Amino acid sequence: PELRSLKLQDFNLNERRSTPELAIGIRCVATKLGMLPGLRELTLRSTLFSRNLHQILCDLQAPLESLELPCCSLVPDDLTFL
């Protein structure tokens, strides 16, 4: 719970999964991130996070000081959420 910085680089939820399985994987990541109240810096490096930022970040307990999104192609919904 004291983790302040986390980098998920080349993170892959297995792009071959069906949409329901991908949604479950995204939700699992969000739940685990929500269990890190001290998290302040987060790097998400995967194209799978595009279109899913709201689901991934919605459980965070405190605002991030730094969010890096290399290799993510953000869509308007992602930008609106941010």
PDB file of N, CA and C in Angstrom:
ATOM      1  N   PRO A   1       0.805  -1.218   0.000  1.00  0.00           N
ATOM      2  CA  PRO A   1       0.000   0.000   0.000  1.00  0.00           C
ATOM      3  C   PRO A   1       0.841   1.273   0.000  1.00  0.00           C
ATOM      4  N   GLU A   2       2.121   1.188   0.346  1.00  0.00           N
ATOM      5  CA  GLU A   2       2.980   2.372   0.400  1.00  0.00           C
ATOM      6  C   GLU A   2       3.667   2.673  -0.941  1.00  0.00           C
ATOM      7  N   LEU A   3       3.425   1.868  -1.951  1.00  0.00           N
ATOM      8  CA  LEU A   3       4.043   2.066  -3.256  1.00  0.00           C
ATOM      9  C   LEU A   3       3.673   3.432  -3.804  1.00  0.00           C
ATOM     10  N   ARG A   4       4.689   4.216  -4.183  1.00  0.00           N
ATOM     11  CA  ARG A   4       4.457   5.559  -4.701  1.00  0.00           C
ATOM     12  C   ARG A   4       4.556   5.641  -6.217  1.00  0.00           C
ATOM     13  N   SER A   5       5.344   4.761  -6.816  1.00  0.00           N
ATOM     14  CA  SER A   5       5.585   4.841  -8.250  1.00  0.00           C
ATOM     15  C   SER A   5       5.463   3.452  -8.876  1.00  0.00           C
ATOM     16  N   LEU A   6       4.765   3.373 -10.004  1.00  0.00           N
ATOM     17  CA  LEU A   6       4.552   2.095 -10.673  1.00  0.00           C
ATOM     18  C   LEU A   6       4.643   2.287 -12.181  1.00  0.00           C
ATOM     19  N   LYS A   7       5.412   1.425 -12.828  1.00  0.00           N
ATOM     20  CA  LYS A   7       5.526   1.445 -14.283  1.00  0.00           C
ATOM     21  C   LYS A   7       5.058   0.110 -14.829  1.00  0.00           C
ATOM     22  N   LEU A   8       4.008   0.146 -15.616  1.00  0.00           N
ATOM     23  CA  LEU A   8       3.518  -1.045 -16.299  1.00  0.00           C
ATOM     24  C   LEU A   8       3.911  -0.894 -17.764  1.00  0.00           C
ATOM     25  N   GLN A   9       5.104  -1.353 -18.075  1.00  0.00           N
ATOM     26  CA  GLN A   9       5.617  -1.199 -19.434  1.00  0.00           C
ATOM     27  C   GLN A   9       5.423  -2.478 -20.212  1.00  0.00           C
ATOM     28  N   ASP A  10       5.061  -2.311 -21.458  1.00  0.00           N
ATOM     29  CA  ASP A  10       4.798  -3.430 -22.342  1.00  0.00           C
ATOM     30  C   ASP A  10       3.787  -4.379 -21.712  1.00  0.00           C
ATOM     31  N   PHE A  11       2.894  -3.803 -20.948  1.00  0.00           N
ATOM     32  CA  PHE A  11       1.848  -4.568 -20.278  1.00  0.00           C
ATOM     33  C   PHE A  11       0.866  -5.040 -21.337  1.00  0.00           C
ATOM     34  N   ASN A  12       0.511  -6.299 -21.299  1.00  0.00           N
ATOM     35  CA  ASN A  12      -0.356  -6.861 -22.320  1.00  0.00           C
ATOM     36  C   ASN A  12      -1.432  -7.710 -21.647  1.00  0.00           C
ATOM     37  N   LEU A  13      -2.668  -7.391 -21.898  1.00  0.00           N
ATOM     38  CA  LEU A  13      -3.774  -8.188 -21.371  1.00  0.00           C
ATOM     39  C   LEU A  13      -4.177  -9.265 -22.359  1.00  0.00           C
ATOM     40  N   ASN A  14      -3.291  -9.603 -23.261  1.00  0.00           N
ATOM     41  CA  ASN A  14      -3.516 -10.606 -24.298  1.00  0.00           C
ATOM     42  C   ASN A  14      -4.537 -10.086 -25.303  1.00  0.00           C
ATOM     43  N   GLU A  15      -4.025  -9.421 -26.324  1.00  0.00           N
ATOM     44  CA  GLU A  15      -4.873  -8.768 -27.311  1.00  0.00           C
ATOM     45  C   GLU A  15      -5.802  -9.729 -28.036  1.00  0.00           C
ATOM     46  N   ARG A  16      -5.569 -11.007 -27.938  1.00  0.00           N
ATOM     47  CA  ARG A  16      -6.421 -11.973 -28.626  1.00  0.00           C
ATOM     48  C   ARG A  16      -7.681 -12.314 -27.848  1.00  0.00           C
ATOM     49  N   ARG A  17      -7.770 -11.838 -26.647  1.00  0.00           N
ATOM     50  CA  ARG A  17      -8.957 -12.125 -25.843  1.00  0.00           C
ATOM     51  C   ARG A  17     -10.171 -11.444 -26.445  1.00  0.00           C
ATOM     52  N   SER A  18     -11.312 -12.001 -26.131  1.00  0.00           N
ATOM     53  CA  SER A  18     -12.551 -11.380 -26.576  1.00  0.00           C
ATOM     54  C   SER A  18     -12.802 -10.115 -25.761  1.00  0.00           C
ATOM     55  N   THR A  19     -13.709  -9.303 -26.218  1.00  0.00           N
ATOM     56  CA  THR A  19     -14.019  -8.040 -25.551  1.00  0.00           C
ATOM     57  C   THR A  19     -14.431  -8.230 -24.090  1.00  0.00           C
ATOM     58  N   PRO A  20     -15.309  -9.188 -23.745  1.00  0.00           N
ATOM     59  CA  PRO A  20     -15.654  -9.361 -22.321  1.00  0.00           C
ATOM     60  C   PRO A  20     -14.442  -9.722 -21.464  1.00  0.00           C
ATOM     61  N   GLU A  21     -13.547 -10.548 -21.968  1.00  0.00           N
ATOM     62  CA  GLU A  21     -12.355 -10.918 -21.197  1.00  0.00           C
ATOM     63  C   GLU A  21     -11.413  -9.732 -21.047  1.00  0.00           C
ATOM     64  N   LEU A  22     -11.293  -8.929 -22.081  1.00  0.00           N
ATOM     65  CA  LEU A  22     -10.462  -7.732 -21.999  1.00  0.00           C
ATOM     66  C   LEU A  22     -11.035  -6.780 -20.956  1.00  0.00           C
ATOM     67  N   ALA A  23     -12.347  -6.615 -20.940  1.00  0.00           N
ATOM     68  CA  ALA A  23     -12.995  -5.744 -19.957  1.00  0.00           C
ATOM     69  C   ALA A  23     -12.740  -6.245 -18.538  1.00  0.00           C
ATOM     70  N   ILE A  24     -12.758  -7.540 -18.331  1.00  0.00           N
ATOM     71  CA  ILE A  24     -12.481  -8.112 -17.011  1.00  0.00           C
ATOM     72  C   ILE A  24     -11.033  -7.827 -16.616  1.00  0.00           C
ATOM     73  N   GLY A  25     -10.110  -7.961 -17.561  1.00  0.00           N
ATOM     74  CA  GLY A  25      -8.699  -7.677 -17.288  1.00  0.00           C
ATOM     75  C   GLY A  25      -8.473  -6.215 -16.926  1.00  0.00           C
ATOM     76  N   ILE A  26      -9.116  -5.322 -17.662  1.00  0.00           N
ATOM     77  CA  ILE A  26      -9.011  -3.883 -17.376  1.00  0.00           C
ATOM     78  C   ILE A  26      -9.565  -3.600 -15.983  1.00  0.00           C
ATOM     79  N   ARG A  27     -10.687  -4.193 -15.649  1.00  0.00           N
ATOM     80  CA  ARG A  27     -11.298  -3.979 -14.333  1.00  0.00           C
ATOM     81  C   ARG A  27     -10.399  -4.495 -13.214  1.00  0.00           C
ATOM     82  N   CYS A  28      -9.731  -5.613 -13.460  1.00  0.00           N
ATOM     83  CA  CYS A  28      -8.808  -6.184 -12.476  1.00  0.00           C
ATOM     84  C   CYS A  28      -7.648  -5.230 -12.222  1.00  0.00           C
ATOM     85  N   VAL A  29      -7.087  -4.652 -13.291  1.00  0.00           N
ATOM     86  CA  VAL A  29      -6.001  -3.679 -13.144  1.00  0.00           C
ATOM     87  C   VAL A  29      -6.490  -2.489 -12.330  1.00  0.00           C
ATOM     88  N   ALA A  30      -7.682  -1.983 -12.639  1.00  0.00           N
ATOM     89  CA  ALA A  30      -8.231  -0.833 -11.922  1.00  0.00           C
ATOM     90  C   ALA A  30      -8.409  -1.134 -10.440  1.00  0.00           C
ATOM     91  N   THR A  31      -8.915  -2.305 -10.136  1.00  0.00           N
ATOM     92  CA  THR A  31      -9.124  -2.692  -8.734  1.00  0.00           C
ATOM     93  C   THR A  31      -7.802  -2.747  -7.981  1.00  0.00           C
ATOM     94  N   LYS A  32      -6.792  -3.342  -8.597  1.00  0.00           N
ATOM     95  CA  LYS A  32      -5.478  -3.442  -7.948  1.00  0.00           C
ATOM     96  C   LYS A  32      -4.853  -2.066  -7.752  1.00  0.00           C
ATOM     97  N   LEU A  33      -4.981  -1.173  -8.737  1.00  0.00           N
ATOM     98  CA  LEU A  33      -4.452   0.180  -8.580  1.00  0.00           C
ATOM     99  C   LEU A  33      -5.167   0.913  -7.450  1.00  0.00           C
ATOM    100  N   GLY A  34      -6.456   0.645  -7.289  1.00  0.00           N
ATOM    101  CA  GLY A  34      -7.228   1.265  -6.213  1.00  0.00           C
ATOM    102  C   GLY A  34      -6.800   0.809  -4.830  1.00  0.00           C
ATOM    103  N   MET A  35      -6.039  -0.274  -4.764  1.00  0.00           N
ATOM    104  CA  MET A  35      -5.553  -0.788  -3.475  1.00  0.00           C
ATOM    105  C   MET A  35      -4.212  -0.179  -3.091  1.00  0.00           C
ATOM    106  N   LEU A  36      -3.757   0.808  -3.864  1.00  0.00           N
ATOM    107  CA  LEU A  36      -2.468   1.469  -3.602  1.00  0.00           C
ATOM    108  C   LEU A  36      -2.714   2.931  -3.241  1.00  0.00           C
ATOM    109  N   PRO A  37      -3.068   3.217  -1.994  1.00  0.00           N
ATOM    110  CA  PRO A  37      -3.409   4.585  -1.614  1.00  0.00           C
ATOM    111  C   PRO A  37      -2.247   5.570  -1.711  1.00  0.00           C
ATOM    112  N   GLY A  38      -1.012   5.083  -1.678  1.00  0.00           N
ATOM    113  CA  GLY A  38       0.140   5.972  -1.754  1.00  0.00           C
ATOM    114  C   GLY A  38       0.620   6.227  -3.167  1.00  0.00           C
ATOM    115  N   LEU A  39      -0.029   5.638  -4.162  1.00  0.00           N
ATOM    116  CA  LEU A  39       0.423   5.768  -5.551  1.00  0.00           C
ATOM    117  C   LEU A  39       0.332   7.217  -6.021  1.00  0.00           C
ATOM    118  N   ARG A  40       1.453   7.755  -6.504  1.00  0.00           N
ATOM    119  CA  ARG A  40       1.499   9.139  -6.978  1.00  0.00           C
ATOM    120  C   ARG A  40       2.029   9.252  -8.403  1.00  0.00           C
ATOM    121  N   GLU A  41       2.783   8.244  -8.861  1.00  0.00           N
ATOM    122  CA  GLU A  41       3.351   8.264 -10.208  1.00  0.00           C
ATOM    123  C   GLU A  41       2.999   6.959 -10.910  1.00  0.00           C
ATOM    124  N   LEU A  42       2.439   7.080 -12.105  1.00  0.00           N
ATOM    125  CA  LEU A  42       2.005   5.893 -12.826  1.00  0.00           C
ATOM    126  C   LEU A  42       2.382   6.014 -14.293  1.00  0.00           C
ATOM    127  N   THR A  43       2.990   4.966 -14.816  1.00  0.00           N
ATOM    128  CA  THR A  43       3.294   4.874 -16.245  1.00  0.00           C
ATOM    129  C   THR A  43       2.541   3.679 -16.802  1.00  0.00           C
ATOM    130  N   LEU A  44       1.740   3.914 -17.820  1.00  0.00           N
ATOM    131  CA  LEU A  44       1.006   2.855 -18.507  1.00  0.00           C
ATOM    132  C   LEU A  44       1.473   2.827 -19.950  1.00  0.00           C
ATOM    133  N   ARG A  45       2.189   1.784 -20.310  1.00  0.00           N
ATOM    134  CA  ARG A  45       2.721   1.715 -21.665  1.00  0.00           C
ATOM    135  C   ARG A  45       2.109   0.524 -22.399  1.00  0.00           C
ATOM    136  N   SER A  46       1.006   0.776 -23.063  1.00  0.00           N
ATOM    137  CA  SER A  46       0.347  -0.252 -23.857  1.00  0.00           C
ATOM    138  C   SER A  46      -0.770   0.390 -24.659  1.00  0.00           C
ATOM    139  N   THR A  47      -0.925  -0.047 -25.881  1.00  0.00           N
ATOM    140  CA  THR A  47      -2.024   0.468 -26.696  1.00  0.00           C
ATOM    141  C   THR A  47      -3.372   0.008 -26.161  1.00  0.00           C
ATOM    142  N   LEU A  48      -3.383  -1.029 -25.334  1.00  0.00           N
ATOM    143  CA  LEU A  48      -4.647  -1.528 -24.788  1.00  0.00           C
ATOM    144  C   LEU A  48      -5.278  -0.558 -23.793  1.00  0.00           C
ATOM    145  N   PHE A  49      -4.491   0.386 -23.288  1.00  0.00           N
ATOM    146  CA  PHE A  49      -5.050   1.334 -22.336  1.00  0.00           C
ATOM    147  C   PHE A  49      -5.826   2.444 -23.025  1.00  0.00           C
ATOM    148  N   SER A  50      -5.594   2.646 -24.324  1.00  0.00           N
ATOM    149  CA  SER A  50      -6.364   3.632 -25.068  1.00  0.00           C
ATOM    150  C   SER A  50      -7.833   3.233 -25.015  1.00  0.00           C
ATOM    151  N   ARG A  51      -8.698   4.201 -24.879  1.00  0.00           N
ATOM    152  CA  ARG A  51     -10.146   4.001 -24.774  1.00  0.00           C
ATOM    153  C   ARG A  51     -10.578   3.410 -23.427  1.00  0.00           C
ATOM    154  N   ASN A  52      -9.634   3.174 -22.525  1.00  0.00           N
ATOM    155  CA  ASN A  52      -9.972   2.551 -21.246  1.00  0.00           C
ATOM    156  C   ASN A  52      -9.451   3.323 -20.040  1.00  0.00           C
ATOM    157  N   LEU A  53      -8.972   4.536 -20.239  1.00  0.00           N
ATOM    158  CA  LEU A  53      -8.373   5.281 -19.125  1.00  0.00           C
ATOM    159  C   LEU A  53      -9.355   5.491 -17.976  1.00  0.00           C
ATOM    160  N   HIS A  54     -10.588   5.808 -18.277  1.00  0.00           N
ATOM    161  CA  HIS A  54     -11.560   6.035 -17.209  1.00  0.00           C
ATOM    162  C   HIS A  54     -11.709   4.788 -16.345  1.00  0.00           C
ATOM    163  N   GLN A  55     -11.846   3.633 -16.985  1.00  0.00           N
ATOM    164  CA  GLN A  55     -12.011   2.392 -16.235  1.00  0.00           C
ATOM    165  C   GLN A  55     -10.770   2.078 -15.405  1.00  0.00           C
ATOM    166  N   ILE A  56      -9.587   2.348 -15.941  1.00  0.00           N
ATOM    167  CA  ILE A  56      -8.338   2.006 -15.257  1.00  0.00           C
ATOM    168  C   ILE A  56      -8.064   2.937 -14.079  1.00  0.00           C
ATOM    169  N   LEU A  57      -8.341   4.207 -14.251  1.00  0.00           N
ATOM    170  CA  LEU A  57      -7.961   5.196 -13.236  1.00  0.00           C
ATOM    171  C   LEU A  57      -9.082   5.548 -12.259  1.00  0.00           C
ATOM    172  N   CYS A  58     -10.279   5.051 -12.470  1.00  0.00           N
ATOM    173  CA  CYS A  58     -11.416   5.491 -11.658  1.00  0.00           C
ATOM    174  C   CYS A  58     -11.344   5.048 -10.193  1.00  0.00           C
ATOM    175  N   ASP A  59     -10.589   4.026  -9.879  1.00  0.00           N
ATOM    176  CA  ASP A  59     -10.523   3.546  -8.495  1.00  0.00           C
ATOM    177  C   ASP A  59      -9.373   4.142  -7.687  1.00  0.00           C
ATOM    178  N   LEU A  60      -8.574   5.019  -8.296  1.00  0.00           N
ATOM    179  CA  LEU A  60      -7.460   5.616  -7.551  1.00  0.00           C
ATOM    180  C   LEU A  60      -7.985   6.379  -6.349  1.00  0.00           C
ATOM    181  N   GLN A  61      -7.299   6.256  -5.227  1.00  0.00           N
ATOM    182  CA  GLN A  61      -7.756   6.878  -3.990  1.00  0.00           C
ATOM    183  C   GLN A  61      -7.303   8.318  -3.833  1.00  0.00           C
ATOM    184  N   ALA A  62      -6.272   8.711  -4.589  1.00  0.00           N
ATOM    185  CA  ALA A  62      -5.754  10.075  -4.496  1.00  0.00           C
ATOM    186  C   ALA A  62      -5.282  10.508  -5.886  1.00  0.00           C
ATOM    187  N   PRO A  63      -5.235  11.809  -6.132  1.00  0.00           N
ATOM    188  CA  PRO A  63      -4.763  12.275  -7.431  1.00  0.00           C
ATOM    189  C   PRO A  63      -3.305  11.890  -7.670  1.00  0.00           C
ATOM    190  N   LEU A  64      -2.992  11.602  -8.912  1.00  0.00           N
ATOM    191  CA  LEU A  64      -1.606  11.317  -9.280  1.00  0.00           C
ATOM    192  C   LEU A  64      -0.845  12.625  -9.452  1.00  0.00           C
ATOM    193  N   GLU A  65       0.425  12.603  -9.142  1.00  0.00           N
ATOM    194  CA  GLU A  65       1.298  13.743  -9.412  1.00  0.00           C
ATOM    195  C   GLU A  65       1.863  13.645 -10.816  1.00  0.00           C
ATOM    196  N   SER A  66       1.986  12.397 -11.306  1.00  0.00           N
ATOM    197  CA  SER A  66       2.569  12.175 -12.627  1.00  0.00           C
ATOM    198  C   SER A  66       1.881  10.981 -13.282  1.00  0.00           C
ATOM    199  N   LEU A  67       1.487  11.167 -14.547  1.00  0.00           N
ATOM    200  CA  LEU A  67       0.902  10.094 -15.337  1.00  0.00           C
ATOM    201  C   LEU A  67       1.589  10.096 -16.697  1.00  0.00           C
ATOM    202  N   GLU A  68       2.253   9.004 -17.026  1.00  0.00           N
ATOM    203  CA  GLU A  68       2.907   8.870 -18.319  1.00  0.00           C
ATOM    204  C   GLU A  68       2.149   7.837 -19.129  1.00  0.00           C
ATOM    205  N   LEU A  69       1.897   8.170 -20.397  1.00  0.00           N
ATOM    206  CA  LEU A  69       1.142   7.284 -21.271  1.00  0.00           C
ATOM    207  C   LEU A  69       1.867   7.070 -22.600  1.00  0.00           C
ATOM    208  N   PRO A  70       3.113   6.588 -22.576  1.00  0.00           N
ATOM    209  CA  PRO A  70       3.794   6.341 -23.845  1.00  0.00           C
ATOM    210  C   PRO A  70       3.110   5.202 -24.585  1.00  0.00           C
ATOM    211  N   CYS A  71       3.064   5.289 -25.876  1.00  0.00           N
ATOM    212  CA  CYS A  71       2.467   4.258 -26.742  1.00  0.00           C
ATOM    213  C   CYS A  71       0.957   4.174 -26.617  1.00  0.00           C
ATOM    214  N   CYS A  72       0.330   5.119 -25.967  1.00  0.00           N
ATOM    215  CA  CYS A  72      -1.129   5.125 -25.882  1.00  0.00           C
ATOM    216  C   CYS A  72      -1.668   6.146 -26.878  1.00  0.00           C
ATOM    217  N   SER A  73      -2.568   5.714 -27.691  1.00  0.00           N
ATOM    218  CA  SER A  73      -3.245   6.619 -28.621  1.00  0.00           C
ATOM    219  C   SER A  73      -4.533   7.064 -27.956  1.00  0.00           C
ATOM    220  N   LEU A  74      -4.500   8.244 -27.403  1.00  0.00           N
ATOM    221  CA  LEU A  74      -5.659   8.729 -26.665  1.00  0.00           C
ATOM    222  C   LEU A  74      -6.773   9.140 -27.622  1.00  0.00           C
ATOM    223  N   VAL A  75      -7.977   8.845 -27.222  1.00  0.00           N
ATOM    224  CA  VAL A  75      -9.167   9.218 -27.990  1.00  0.00           C
ATOM    225  C   VAL A  75      -9.872  10.349 -27.226  1.00  0.00           C
ATOM    226  N   PRO A  76     -10.805  11.034 -27.855  1.00  0.00           N
ATOM    227  CA  PRO A  76     -11.475  12.141 -27.180  1.00  0.00           C
ATOM    228  C   PRO A  76     -12.048  11.794 -25.798  1.00  0.00           C
ATOM    229  N   ASP A  77     -12.615  10.603 -25.634  1.00  0.00           N
ATOM    230  CA  ASP A  77     -13.144  10.214 -24.318  1.00  0.00           C
ATOM    231  C   ASP A  77     -12.049  10.161 -23.257  1.00  0.00           C
ATOM    232  N   ASP A  78     -10.849   9.689 -23.635  1.00  0.00           N
ATOM    233  CA  ASP A  78      -9.714   9.675 -22.708  1.00  0.00           C
ATOM    234  C   ASP A  78      -9.353  11.089 -22.298  1.00  0.00           C
ATOM    235  N   LEU A  79      -9.272  11.983 -23.263  1.00  0.00           N
ATOM    236  CA  LEU A  79      -8.898  13.364 -22.965  1.00  0.00           C
ATOM    237  C   LEU A  79      -9.952  14.049 -22.112  1.00  0.00           C
ATOM    238  N   THR A  80     -11.202  13.787 -22.367  1.00  0.00           N
ATOM    239  CA  THR A  80     -12.276  14.357 -21.558  1.00  0.00           C
ATOM    240  C   THR A  80     -12.157  13.898 -20.111  1.00  0.00           C
ATOM    241  N   PHE A  81     -11.892  12.612 -19.922  1.00  0.00           N
ATOM    242  CA  PHE A  81     -11.733  12.080 -18.571  1.00  0.00           C
ATOM    243  C   PHE A  81     -10.554  12.731 -17.861  1.00  0.00           C
ATOM    244  N   LEU A  82      -9.432  12.866 -18.561  1.00  0.00           N
ATOM    245  CA  LEU A  82      -8.249  13.455 -17.929  1.00  0.00           C
ATOM    246  C   LEU A  82      -8.500  14.904 -17.586  1.00  0.00           C
TER     247      LEU A  82
END
